[in-house]
Protein backbone atom coordinates (compact mmCIF):
# COMPACT_ATOMS: atom_id res chain seq x y z
CA UNK A 1 174.79 112.75 151.64
CA UNK A 2 175.36 114.85 155.05
CA UNK A 3 174.61 113.65 158.65
CA UNK A 4 173.24 115.23 161.76
CA UNK A 5 172.17 114.75 165.44
CA UNK A 6 170.00 116.82 167.82
CA UNK A 7 170.56 116.98 171.55
CA UNK A 8 171.37 118.89 174.41
CA UNK A 9 174.95 119.32 175.56
CA UNK A 10 174.76 116.80 178.44
CA UNK A 11 173.02 113.97 176.03
CA UNK A 12 175.51 114.52 173.21
CA UNK A 13 178.63 114.40 175.81
CA UNK A 14 176.84 111.64 177.32
CA UNK A 15 177.11 109.49 173.76
CA UNK A 16 180.73 110.54 173.27
CA UNK A 17 179.34 112.45 169.92
CA UNK A 18 180.86 115.79 171.54
CA UNK A 19 183.87 116.97 173.69
CA UNK A 20 185.16 120.35 175.02
CA UNK A 21 188.59 121.52 174.57
CA UNK A 22 191.38 124.07 175.56
CA UNK A 23 189.89 126.41 177.67
CA UNK A 24 191.49 128.97 180.70
CA UNK A 25 191.65 127.06 183.95
CA UNK A 26 189.51 124.43 182.03
CA UNK A 27 186.83 127.13 182.28
CA UNK A 28 186.98 130.22 179.83
CA UNK A 29 187.21 129.94 175.79
CA UNK A 30 185.76 126.36 175.94
CA UNK A 31 185.81 124.91 172.24
CA UNK A 32 182.98 122.37 171.57
CA UNK A 33 184.23 119.91 169.13
CA UNK A 34 182.98 116.52 167.54
CA UNK A 35 184.69 113.55 169.78
CA UNK A 36 186.79 111.10 167.50
CA UNK A 37 185.30 107.86 167.17
CA UNK A 38 181.89 109.02 167.66
CA UNK A 39 179.37 106.33 166.44
CA UNK A 40 177.93 107.60 162.82
CA UNK A 41 174.76 105.43 163.27
CA UNK A 42 173.34 108.09 165.81
CA UNK A 43 173.19 110.65 162.98
CA UNK A 44 170.47 110.93 160.98
CA UNK A 45 171.09 110.84 156.67
CA UNK A 46 169.65 113.53 154.43
CA UNK A 47 170.33 114.15 151.30
CA UNK A 48 172.32 117.73 151.54
CA UNK A 49 171.25 119.10 147.86
CA UNK A 50 167.36 118.21 148.65
CA UNK A 51 166.99 119.04 152.00
CA UNK A 52 168.00 122.33 153.03
CA UNK A 53 165.53 123.29 156.35
CA UNK A 54 166.23 120.88 159.32
CA UNK A 55 163.21 121.13 161.86
CA UNK A 56 164.43 121.38 165.45
CA UNK A 57 162.46 121.06 168.83
CA UNK A 58 163.37 123.71 171.34
CA UNK A 59 165.99 126.38 170.61
CA UNK A 60 169.81 126.28 169.38
CA UNK A 61 172.46 126.69 171.16
CA UNK A 62 175.55 125.98 169.23
CA UNK A 63 176.60 124.12 166.16
CA UNK A 64 179.57 121.92 165.45
CA UNK A 65 181.85 122.13 163.79
CA UNK A 66 180.71 126.21 163.58
CA UNK A 67 179.13 127.16 160.62
CA UNK A 68 179.46 130.72 159.12
CA UNK A 69 176.23 132.71 160.10
CA UNK A 70 176.12 133.66 156.10
CA UNK A 71 175.72 130.12 155.19
CA UNK A 72 172.06 129.69 157.17
CA UNK A 73 169.57 131.17 158.65
CA UNK A 74 167.72 130.09 161.97
CA UNK A 75 164.05 131.06 162.54
CA UNK A 76 162.30 130.20 165.93
CA UNK A 77 158.92 129.89 167.52
CA UNK A 78 157.54 129.25 171.04
CA UNK A 79 158.75 125.28 170.79
CA UNK A 80 160.71 124.66 167.42
CA UNK A 81 163.68 126.13 165.39
CA UNK A 82 164.06 125.94 161.59
CA UNK A 83 167.71 125.64 160.11
CA UNK A 84 167.48 126.82 156.48
CA UNK A 85 170.60 126.28 154.80
CA UNK A 86 171.38 129.25 152.53
CA UNK A 87 174.17 127.77 150.78
CA UNK A 88 174.47 124.00 150.62
CA UNK A 89 178.10 123.94 149.35
CA UNK A 90 180.21 125.59 152.10
CA UNK A 91 177.63 124.66 154.64
CA UNK A 92 178.06 121.40 154.03
CA UNK A 93 181.94 121.59 153.66
CA UNK A 94 181.98 119.25 156.80
CA UNK A 95 179.74 116.24 156.45
CA UNK A 96 178.69 115.95 159.72
CA UNK A 97 176.98 118.46 162.11
CA UNK A 98 175.92 118.37 166.10
CA UNK A 99 173.05 121.22 166.99
CA UNK A 100 173.23 121.45 170.39
CA UNK A 101 170.16 122.84 171.99
CA UNK A 102 168.98 124.67 175.13
């Protein structure tokens, strides 16, 4: 199994799913990471070997933790984005995925 959640940065931060770390003077170079102790029940559970496409309302801003671009593709139309996993083994080495939308 694998787990994902979709939301804006502010929504996910409010749920204590993500946090920002590092950065110069608290601004430049910040990294978004999974917060420790996040609520696992907020995530959608999928069979990572069966479901290789995730439909997202809106545009994707960031994936957390980061995934290498060669493991997936993003295609979008006016209102939705499709995330297609190309290499399930490598894409899901991290069991949890946060999809931050704009």
